[in-house]
Amino acid sequence: MLPTPGRMLAPIKEYTMTFPGHIHCDSIMDSLADGVFTVDKDWTITFFNRAAANITGIPVEQAVGRKCRDVFHSSICDGACALKTCMEQNLSMTNKSIHIVGPDGKRIPLSISASPLRDKDGRLIGGVETFRDLSDISLMRRQLQGERTLEDIITRSRGMTRVLDILPRIAASRTSVLLLGESGTGKELVARAIHNMSPRKNGPFVTVNCGALPETLMESELFGYKKGAFTDAKTDHKGKFQAAHKGTILLDELGDLPYRLQVKLLRVLQDMIVEPLGSSNAVAVDVRVIAATNLDLEAMAAAGQFRQDLFYRLNVARIALPSLRERPEDIPLLARHFIEHFNAVQASQVEGLSEDVTFLLLRHNYPGNVRELRNILEYATLLQHKGFIQVEHLPEYLHPDPQQPTLTRPGMTLREIKRQAALQSIKRNGGRKMAACRELGISKDTLRRILGDEQAPPQGA
């Protein structure tokens, strides 16, 4: 049975509590299903109940006596601490959604409440926070809405769902992986997911941008060098492949790797050895290689711009990530995800997107893909701290031109954009209007009104 969402445990108002008989306060706190912890004025944890240990995966004895930020690694530890706000402003905070990072690196969604902690004379001595694990509730909500999640990837589109279906099998193998997709489609996110699900998850994950350095530096960066190999080589230096030993290396923008270095990379893939600059001895490495690019390597190989043998060596497990414009049904889902993240980081209370903003975002072409959508919403949540994001909170390049209200083609008004986006959503959902409403984040009445505008004259006509 999934837990039924309930009211959070009310924040504790006083440090000293009395109970009938010989019941001890700590025993009461340990019997609660919600996590409870207290801190002193220096942010050192002074109490940590059993539920807190179960939710976080951190034993009580390892939590008490440590700074709370070192225990929770929360999304609000950097500048937006709920306890700090409550203690400094003498107020209570309830049902704030955040996430923490557990010892295994997994994100845990929580609903927290916090209050100042005072002694019987009313003097501030610290703070108290209660929290509830929302993992099962979040999973249930996503399942009901047709969402798929894997690691930090969320989607409801068919294209990305097919990718998520094959990732566990690919991760369990030893083969090299080639990730293809436009810039900003989440190739590094997928690469990290493969690493985290693989037998190498406890090893290092090393990223190299093959287009960021000149050829001379790239060679030493990848393969390392020996002392005296060149003028500034004062000591031996391990390259990225040696740093990734027993783990995974992501070669991002592989299409920009110089042709000469492609030969050395091929030898690493075939023989699992690297030759540092200035050394006559090869060094054995045990590395899983994931390559990523937004270029057409197959066409480059056919034109002699990329080694064919290297392409075929990499092109075993090939994953093509769809662009955001190919998965518009994910835009409202991703928007909600980013807003929740920025609410936690910026201590804002944005409730979501206005109707006009939803339809504007659905019609945008997204040359920067998911990264661009994230940047748009980060900018919007900086301008709007509470309520719904409106058109005026979006970057200027997304604003409709009042002189010529066109967004995607000449003569297209905002009303028409809404209607077309609604019709496309209904089509994507097989004619199911309620499914379209969930995708667009609107009510059934709103959808009916948008579709009813079909005979209305265009604005400005």
Protein backbone atom coordinates (compact mmCIF):
# COMPACT_ATOMS: atom_id res chain seq x y z
CA MET A 1 0.00 0.00 0.00
CA LEU A 2 1.24 3.45 -0.86
CA PRO A 3 1.12 5.96 1.99
CA THR A 4 -1.82 8.35 2.03
CA PRO A 5 -0.66 11.97 1.95
CA GLY A 6 -1.45 13.49 5.32
CA ARG A 7 -0.70 16.53 7.37
CA MET A 8 2.88 17.09 8.36
CA LEU A 9 3.80 16.74 12.00
CA ALA A 10 3.36 20.16 13.55
CA PRO A 11 6.70 21.83 14.30
CA ILE A 12 7.76 21.59 17.92
CA LYS A 13 7.33 24.95 19.66
CA GLU A 14 9.34 24.45 22.84
CA TYR A 15 12.50 22.65 23.79
CA THR A 16 11.10 21.26 27.08
CA MET A 17 8.00 19.02 26.85
CA THR A 18 6.37 17.02 29.62
CA PHE A 19 4.41 13.80 29.28
CA PRO A 20 2.34 11.85 31.83
CA GLY A 21 4.03 9.19 33.89
CA HIS A 22 7.61 8.33 33.07
CA ILE A 23 7.45 8.61 29.25
CA HIS A 24 10.61 10.23 27.91
CA CYS A 25 10.44 12.84 25.13
CA ASP A 26 13.01 10.97 23.02
CA SER A 27 10.86 7.83 23.12
CA ILE A 28 7.89 9.76 21.80
CA MET A 29 9.97 11.28 19.00
CA ASP A 30 11.36 7.86 18.05
CA SER A 31 7.86 6.41 17.72
CA LEU A 32 6.87 8.92 15.02
CA ALA A 33 6.76 8.04 11.32
CA ASP A 34 8.01 11.51 10.39
CA GLY A 35 11.68 12.41 10.61
CA VAL A 36 12.55 14.88 13.36
CA PHE A 37 15.85 16.56 14.11
CA THR A 38 17.00 19.55 16.13
CA VAL A 39 20.02 21.81 15.80
CA ASP A 40 21.71 24.30 18.07
CA LYS A 41 22.53 27.86 17.03
CA ASP A 42 25.73 26.64 15.35
CA TRP A 43 23.73 24.23 13.10
CA THR A 44 25.05 21.15 14.90
CA ILE A 45 22.49 18.34 15.09
CA THR A 46 21.51 17.66 18.71
CA PHE A 47 18.68 15.16 18.15
CA PHE A 48 17.90 12.78 15.27
CA ASN A 49 15.01 10.33 15.58
CA ARG A 50 14.76 6.82 14.12
CA ALA A 51 12.48 7.87 11.26
CA ALA A 52 15.03 10.51 10.25
CA ALA A 53 17.69 7.79 10.13
CA ASN A 54 15.44 5.48 8.09
CA ILE A 55 14.50 8.17 5.56
CA THR A 56 17.99 9.56 5.05
CA GLY A 57 19.87 6.26 5.37
CA ILE A 58 22.20 7.86 7.94
CA PRO A 59 22.47 6.19 11.39
CA VAL A 60 21.60 8.32 14.41
CA GLU A 61 25.14 8.11 15.81
CA GLN A 62 26.57 9.41 12.53
CA ALA A 63 24.18 12.37 12.39
CA VAL A 64 24.24 13.73 15.96
CA GLY A 65 27.15 16.09 16.47
CA ARG A 66 27.58 16.93 12.77
CA LYS A 67 26.52 20.07 10.91
CA CYS A 68 23.10 19.55 9.32
CA ARG A 69 24.29 20.57 5.83
CA ASP A 70 26.90 17.79 5.98
CA VAL A 71 24.21 15.23 6.76
CA PHE A 72 21.37 16.23 4.43
CA HIS A 73 23.03 17.79 1.35
CA SER A 74 19.69 19.46 0.73
CA SER A 75 18.59 21.54 -2.26
CA ILE A 76 18.12 24.48 0.16
CA CYS A 77 21.40 24.24 2.06
CA ASP A 78 23.04 26.91 -0.12
CA GLY A 79 21.40 30.18 0.83
CA ALA A 80 17.75 29.17 1.28
CA CYS A 81 17.80 27.14 4.51
CA ALA A 82 14.30 26.84 5.99
CA LEU A 83 15.62 26.50 9.55
CA LYS A 84 17.82 29.56 9.17
CA THR A 85 14.89 31.63 7.94
CA CYS A 86 12.69 30.46 10.81
CA MET A 87 15.33 31.14 13.44
CA GLU A 88 16.30 34.57 12.09
CA GLN A 89 12.75 35.79 11.46
CA ASN A 90 11.04 34.04 14.38
CA LEU A 91 8.47 32.24 12.24
CA SER A 92 7.29 28.74 11.42
CA MET A 93 7.29 27.15 7.97
CA THR A 94 5.10 24.22 6.92
CA ASN A 95 4.91 21.79 3.99
CA LYS A 96 7.83 23.10 1.94
CA SER A 97 8.91 20.72 -0.83
CA ILE A 98 12.65 20.06 -1.14
CA HIS A 99 14.97 17.19 -1.95
CA ILE A 100 18.01 15.82 -0.18
CA VAL A 101 20.81 13.58 -1.44
CA GLY A 102 21.22 10.26 0.35
CA PRO A 103 24.51 8.43 1.01
CA ASP A 104 24.01 6.48 -2.25
CA GLY A 105 23.68 9.69 -4.28
CA LYS A 106 19.93 9.27 -4.82
CA ARG A 107 17.64 12.30 -4.60
CA ILE A 108 14.92 11.94 -1.94
CA PRO A 109 11.88 14.27 -2.20
CA LEU A 110 10.70 15.59 1.17
CA SER A 111 8.00 17.79 2.60
CA ILE A 112 9.42 19.72 5.56
CA SER A 113 8.19 21.94 8.37
CA ALA A 114 10.45 24.00 10.61
CA SER A 115 10.29 26.27 13.67
CA PRO A 116 12.63 28.07 16.06
CA LEU A 117 13.49 26.15 19.21
CA ARG A 118 13.29 28.01 22.54
CA ASP A 119 13.84 27.12 26.16
CA LYS A 120 11.22 27.61 28.87
CA ASP A 121 12.33 31.25 29.29
CA GLY A 122 11.76 32.01 25.60
CA ARG A 123 15.43 32.23 24.61
CA LEU A 124 16.40 30.96 21.17
CA ILE A 125 18.54 27.85 21.47
CA GLY A 126 18.26 26.37 17.98
CA GLY A 127 15.69 25.02 15.54
CA VAL A 128 13.59 21.93 14.90
CA GLU A 129 12.54 20.42 11.60
CA THR A 130 10.16 17.61 10.74
CA PHE A 131 10.11 15.93 7.36
CA ARG A 132 8.21 13.28 5.41
CA ASP A 133 9.50 11.13 2.58
CA LEU A 134 7.44 11.79 -0.57
CA SER A 135 9.18 9.19 -2.77
CA ASP A 136 6.23 6.78 -2.94
CA ILE A 137 3.72 9.59 -3.36
CA SER A 138 5.79 11.14 -6.15
CA LEU A 139 6.09 7.75 -7.85
CA MET A 140 2.34 7.14 -7.57
CA ARG A 141 1.56 10.57 -9.03
CA ARG A 142 3.92 10.01 -11.94
CA GLN A 143 2.50 6.58 -12.66
CA LEU A 144 -1.06 7.92 -12.68
CA GLN A 145 -0.02 10.64 -15.11
CA GLY A 146 1.74 8.20 -17.42
CA GLU A 147 5.23 9.43 -16.54
CA ARG A 148 8.38 7.35 -16.77
CA THR A 149 11.40 8.06 -14.61
CA LEU A 150 14.91 6.66 -14.54
CA GLU A 151 17.66 8.23 -12.47
CA ASP A 152 17.11 11.99 -13.08
CA ILE A 153 15.37 11.47 -16.44
CA ILE A 154 11.60 12.04 -16.61
CA THR A 155 9.37 11.67 -19.64
CA ARG A 156 6.01 10.62 -20.99
CA SER A 157 7.01 10.69 -24.68
CA ARG A 158 7.24 7.46 -26.65
CA GLY A 159 10.68 8.27 -28.05
CA MET A 160 12.31 8.82 -24.66
CA THR A 161 10.38 5.92 -23.13
CA ARG A 162 11.98 3.59 -25.67
CA VAL A 163 15.38 4.95 -24.62
CA LEU A 164 14.62 4.34 -20.93
CA ASP A 165 13.47 0.80 -21.70
CA ILE A 166 16.84 -0.22 -23.13
CA LEU A 167 19.13 1.70 -20.77
CA PRO A 168 19.23 -0.92 -17.96
CA ARG A 169 20.27 -3.67 -20.40
CA ILE A 170 22.93 -1.48 -21.97
CA ALA A 171 24.19 -0.39 -18.55
CA ALA A 172 24.61 -4.00 -17.45
CA SER A 173 26.83 -4.79 -20.44
CA ARG A 174 30.51 -3.96 -20.99
CA THR A 175 30.10 -2.54 -24.49
CA SER A 176 30.94 0.99 -25.59
CA VAL A 177 28.01 3.36 -26.12
CA LEU A 178 27.44 6.04 -28.76
CA LEU A 179 24.97 8.78 -27.78
CA LEU A 180 23.62 10.86 -30.64
CA GLY A 181 21.47 13.97 -30.36
CA GLU A 182 21.35 17.71 -30.71
CA SER A 183 23.03 19.94 -28.18
CA GLY A 184 21.01 20.19 -24.99
CA THR A 185 19.06 16.93 -25.36
CA GLY A 186 20.55 15.42 -22.19
CA LYS A 187 23.35 13.19 -23.46
CA GLU A 188 25.44 13.66 -20.31
CA LEU A 189 22.38 12.89 -18.15
CA VAL A 190 21.88 9.62 -20.03
CA ALA A 191 25.59 8.80 -19.76
CA ARG A 192 25.48 9.30 -15.98
CA ALA A 193 22.39 7.11 -15.76
CA ILE A 194 24.20 4.33 -17.64
CA HIS A 195 27.16 4.62 -15.27
CA ASN A 196 24.98 4.69 -12.14
CA MET A 197 23.10 1.55 -13.22
CA SER A 198 26.21 -0.34 -14.28
CA PRO A 199 28.50 -2.65 -12.26
CA ARG A 200 31.00 0.26 -12.37
CA LYS A 201 28.73 2.61 -10.39
CA ASN A 202 31.18 2.75 -7.47
CA GLY A 203 34.01 3.76 -9.79
CA PRO A 204 34.76 7.24 -11.16
CA PHE A 205 32.71 8.98 -13.83
CA VAL A 206 35.01 11.23 -15.87
CA THR A 207 33.84 13.69 -18.55
CA VAL A 208 36.03 15.10 -21.34
CA ASN A 209 34.87 17.70 -23.86
CA CYS A 210 36.80 16.82 -27.01
CA GLY A 211 36.08 20.18 -28.62
CA ALA A 212 37.21 22.37 -25.73
CA LEU A 213 41.02 22.03 -26.01
CA PRO A 214 43.57 22.33 -28.84
CA GLU A 215 45.03 19.10 -30.19
CA THR A 216 48.34 19.30 -28.28
CA LEU A 217 46.63 19.75 -24.93
CA MET A 218 43.91 17.23 -25.73
CA GLU A 219 46.44 14.44 -26.20
CA SER A 220 48.09 15.02 -22.83
CA GLU A 221 44.69 15.51 -21.20
CA LEU A 222 43.39 12.18 -22.45
CA PHE A 223 46.45 9.98 -22.25
CA GLY A 224 48.71 11.75 -19.73
CA TYR A 225 52.45 12.42 -19.98
CA LYS A 226 55.76 11.57 -18.38
CA LYS A 227 58.13 14.00 -16.72
CA GLY A 228 60.23 15.74 -19.36
CA ALA A 229 57.89 14.92 -22.25
CA PHE A 230 57.80 18.66 -23.06
CA THR A 231 59.12 21.89 -21.58
CA ASP A 232 56.54 22.35 -18.81
CA ALA A 233 56.25 18.65 -17.91
CA LYS A 234 57.86 18.87 -14.47
CA THR A 235 56.21 15.74 -13.09
CA ASP A 236 54.31 12.69 -14.35
CA HIS A 237 50.66 13.38 -15.09
CA LYS A 238 47.86 10.82 -15.35
CA GLY A 239 45.41 11.35 -18.18
CA LYS A 240 41.62 11.09 -18.08
CA PHE A 241 41.64 7.43 -19.07
CA GLN A 242 43.81 6.53 -16.10
CA ALA A 243 41.62 8.72 -13.86
CA ALA A 244 38.59 6.74 -15.05
CA HIS A 245 40.16 3.35 -14.26
CA LYS A 246 37.48 0.90 -13.04
CA GLY A 247 34.84 3.45 -14.00
CA THR A 248 33.36 5.24 -17.00
CA ILE A 249 34.66 7.98 -19.28
CA LEU A 250 32.33 10.19 -21.32
CA LEU A 251 33.94 11.61 -24.47
CA ASP A 252 31.61 14.49 -25.24
CA GLU A 253 31.63 16.19 -28.66
CA LEU A 254 33.57 13.22 -30.04
CA GLY A 255 33.17 14.49 -33.60
CA ASP A 256 35.62 17.29 -32.76
CA LEU A 257 38.40 14.87 -31.73
CA PRO A 258 41.42 15.44 -34.03
CA TYR A 259 41.92 12.71 -36.64
CA ARG A 260 45.39 11.81 -35.33
CA LEU A 261 44.09 11.19 -31.82
CA GLN A 262 41.33 8.95 -33.13
CA VAL A 263 44.01 6.32 -33.80
CA LYS A 264 45.12 6.35 -30.16
CA LEU A 265 41.51 6.20 -29.00
CA LEU A 266 40.90 3.17 -31.21
CA ARG A 267 43.83 1.37 -29.57
CA VAL A 268 42.41 2.11 -26.13
CA LEU A 269 39.09 0.60 -27.16
CA GLN A 270 40.70 -2.48 -28.71
CA ASP A 271 43.51 -3.22 -26.27
CA MET A 272 42.58 -1.23 -23.15
CA ILE A 273 46.01 0.39 -22.92
CA VAL A 274 47.15 4.01 -23.08
CA GLU A 275 50.54 5.44 -24.00
CA PRO A 276 51.37 8.63 -22.09
CA LEU A 277 53.35 11.28 -23.97
CA GLY A 278 57.07 10.76 -23.56
CA SER A 279 56.72 7.14 -22.43
CA SER A 280 57.70 3.98 -24.25
CA ASN A 281 55.62 1.81 -21.94
CA ALA A 282 51.88 1.28 -22.31
CA VAL A 283 49.64 1.48 -19.24
CA ALA A 284 46.71 -0.92 -18.86
CA VAL A 285 43.32 0.63 -18.06
CA ASP A 286 39.89 -0.79 -17.35
CA VAL A 287 37.45 1.81 -18.62
CA ARG A 288 33.97 1.81 -20.11
CA VAL A 289 33.78 4.38 -22.94
CA ILE A 290 30.65 6.39 -23.70
CA ALA A 291 30.93 8.76 -26.66
CA ALA A 292 28.49 11.59 -27.39
CA THR A 293 28.12 13.93 -30.34
CA ASN A 294 25.63 16.17 -32.11
CA LEU A 295 27.31 15.49 -35.48
CA ASP A 296 26.54 12.79 -38.05
CA LEU A 297 29.54 10.53 -37.50
CA GLU A 298 28.39 8.06 -40.13
CA ALA A 299 28.35 10.77 -42.81
CA MET A 300 31.69 12.11 -41.56
CA ALA A 301 33.19 8.60 -41.77
CA ALA A 302 31.89 8.19 -45.34
CA ALA A 303 33.46 11.55 -46.27
CA GLY A 304 36.81 10.64 -44.70
CA GLN A 305 36.46 13.17 -41.87
CA PHE A 306 36.20 10.53 -39.15
CA ARG A 307 37.89 7.14 -38.98
CA GLN A 308 35.52 4.42 -40.15
CA ASP A 309 37.14 1.75 -37.96
CA LEU A 310 36.64 3.93 -34.88
CA PHE A 311 33.04 4.69 -35.85
CA TYR A 312 32.20 0.99 -36.23
CA ARG A 313 34.01 0.18 -32.99
CA LEU A 314 31.84 2.71 -31.14
CA ASN A 315 28.62 2.06 -33.04
CA VAL A 316 27.64 -1.06 -31.10
CA ALA A 317 25.13 0.30 -28.59
CA ARG A 318 23.78 3.36 -30.38
CA ILE A 319 21.23 5.61 -28.68
CA ALA A 320 19.62 8.52 -30.51
CA LEU A 321 18.00 11.08 -28.19
CA PRO A 322 14.99 12.95 -29.59
CA SER A 323 15.01 16.74 -29.64
CA LEU A 324 12.57 18.59 -27.39
CA ARG A 325 10.45 19.67 -30.37
CA GLU A 326 9.97 15.95 -31.11
CA ARG A 327 8.63 15.37 -27.60
CA PRO A 328 6.37 18.41 -26.88
CA GLU A 329 4.28 16.35 -24.45
CA ASP A 330 7.29 16.51 -22.09
CA ILE A 331 7.40 20.33 -22.00
CA PRO A 332 4.78 20.80 -19.20
CA LEU A 333 6.30 17.86 -17.31
CA LEU A 334 9.83 19.22 -17.54
CA ALA A 335 8.60 22.73 -16.71
CA ARG A 336 7.04 21.47 -13.49
CA HIS A 337 10.23 19.58 -12.64
CA PHE A 338 12.42 22.66 -13.18
CA ILE A 339 10.06 24.95 -11.27
CA GLU A 340 10.13 22.59 -8.28
CA HIS A 341 13.92 22.60 -8.44
CA PHE A 342 14.23 26.39 -8.62
CA ASN A 343 11.63 26.82 -5.87
CA ALA A 344 13.90 24.80 -3.61
CA VAL A 345 17.15 26.46 -4.67
CA GLN A 346 15.84 30.05 -4.70
CA ALA A 347 13.37 29.70 -1.79
CA SER A 348 10.58 30.88 -4.11
CA GLN A 349 6.94 29.74 -4.23
CA VAL A 350 6.11 29.62 -7.93
CA GLU A 351 2.94 27.56 -8.40
CA GLY A 352 3.36 26.86 -12.10
CA LEU A 353 2.83 28.31 -15.58
CA SER A 354 -0.03 30.53 -16.61
CA GLU A 355 -2.18 29.32 -19.48
CA ASP A 356 -0.63 31.79 -21.93
CA VAL A 357 2.91 30.79 -20.94
CA THR A 358 2.07 27.10 -21.29
CA PHE A 359 0.96 27.56 -24.87
CA LEU A 360 3.86 29.84 -25.74
CA LEU A 361 6.32 27.24 -24.48
CA LEU A 362 4.52 24.48 -26.34
CA ARG A 363 4.88 26.36 -29.63
CA HIS A 364 8.52 27.37 -29.24
CA ASN A 365 11.03 25.55 -31.46
CA TYR A 366 13.77 25.04 -28.80
CA PRO A 367 17.03 25.12 -30.76
CA GLY A 368 18.72 24.64 -27.37
CA ASN A 369 16.40 21.75 -26.41
CA VAL A 370 15.94 20.81 -22.73
CA ARG A 371 18.85 23.03 -21.68
CA GLU A 372 17.10 26.03 -23.23
CA LEU A 373 13.81 25.25 -21.45
CA ARG A 374 15.69 25.00 -18.15
CA ASN A 375 17.36 28.37 -18.75
CA ILE A 376 14.00 29.97 -19.64
CA LEU A 377 12.45 28.79 -16.38
CA GLU A 378 15.46 29.73 -14.28
CA TYR A 379 15.18 33.28 -15.66
CA ALA A 380 11.41 33.33 -15.10
CA THR A 381 11.66 32.16 -11.48
CA LEU A 382 14.20 34.90 -10.79
CA LEU A 383 11.59 37.48 -11.83
CA GLN A 384 8.56 35.73 -10.34
CA HIS A 385 8.94 34.49 -6.78
CA LYS A 386 5.31 33.63 -6.05
CA GLY A 387 2.20 32.62 -7.96
CA PHE A 388 2.16 31.74 -11.65
CA ILE A 389 4.75 32.60 -14.27
CA GLN A 390 3.28 35.10 -16.74
CA VAL A 391 4.39 36.06 -20.25
CA GLU A 392 6.21 39.15 -18.93
CA HIS A 393 8.47 36.90 -16.84
CA LEU A 394 9.81 35.06 -19.89
CA PRO A 395 12.97 36.14 -21.77
CA GLU A 396 12.18 38.89 -24.28
CA TYR A 397 12.78 36.73 -27.34
CA LEU A 398 9.71 34.69 -26.36
CA HIS A 399 7.39 37.70 -26.01
CA PRO A 400 4.71 38.11 -28.68
CA ASP A 401 5.25 41.19 -30.84
CA PRO A 402 2.26 43.51 -30.18
CA GLN A 403 2.69 45.10 -33.61
CA GLN A 404 2.71 41.76 -35.41
CA PRO A 405 1.63 38.95 -33.08
CA THR A 406 3.48 36.10 -34.72
CA LEU A 407 5.40 33.32 -33.06
CA THR A 408 5.86 30.43 -35.39
CA ARG A 409 4.51 31.64 -38.72
CA PRO A 410 3.22 34.96 -40.11
CA GLY A 411 -0.30 35.87 -39.00
CA MET A 412 -0.52 33.38 -36.12
CA THR A 413 -2.15 34.91 -33.02
CA LEU A 414 -1.84 33.73 -29.44
CA ARG A 415 -5.42 32.42 -29.62
CA GLU A 416 -4.54 30.35 -32.68
CA ILE A 417 -1.36 29.11 -31.03
CA LYS A 418 -3.39 27.85 -28.07
CA ARG A 419 -5.93 26.15 -30.28
CA GLN A 420 -3.30 24.47 -32.45
CA ALA A 421 -1.34 23.30 -29.41
CA ALA A 422 -4.53 21.88 -27.89
CA LEU A 423 -5.49 20.07 -31.11
CA GLN A 424 -2.00 18.61 -31.45
CA SER A 425 -2.09 17.41 -27.84
CA ILE A 426 -5.45 15.70 -28.41
CA LYS A 427 -4.04 14.03 -31.52
CA ARG A 428 -0.92 12.85 -29.66
CA ASN A 429 -3.14 11.36 -26.97
CA GLY A 430 -5.28 9.39 -29.42
CA GLY A 431 -8.27 11.73 -29.18
CA ARG A 432 -8.47 11.52 -25.37
CA LYS A 433 -9.23 15.03 -24.18
CA MET A 434 -8.63 14.36 -20.48
CA ALA A 435 -5.17 13.03 -21.31
CA ALA A 436 -4.55 16.22 -23.30
CA CYS A 437 -5.68 18.29 -20.30
CA ARG A 438 -3.18 16.50 -18.06
CA GLU A 439 -0.42 17.03 -20.62
CA LEU A 440 -1.18 20.74 -21.00
CA GLY A 441 -1.83 21.32 -17.30
CA ILE A 442 -5.30 22.81 -17.88
CA SER A 443 -8.85 21.95 -16.87
CA LYS A 444 -11.51 20.35 -19.02
CA ASP A 445 -13.47 23.62 -19.08
CA THR A 446 -10.39 25.53 -20.24
CA LEU A 447 -9.81 23.04 -23.05
CA ARG A 448 -13.45 23.32 -24.09
CA ARG A 449 -13.18 27.13 -24.16
CA ILE A 450 -9.98 27.02 -26.23
CA LEU A 451 -11.53 24.68 -28.76
CA GLY A 452 -14.74 26.74 -28.75
CA ASP A 453 -12.73 29.79 -29.89
CA GLU A 454 -12.29 28.10 -33.26
CA GLN A 455 -14.95 30.26 -34.91
CA ALA A 456 -13.93 33.50 -33.19
CA PRO A 457 -12.36 36.20 -35.40
CA PRO A 458 -8.55 36.55 -35.12
CA GLN A 459 -7.27 39.25 -32.79
CA GLY A 460 -6.66 42.50 -34.60
CA ALA A 461 -8.88 41.51 -37.51
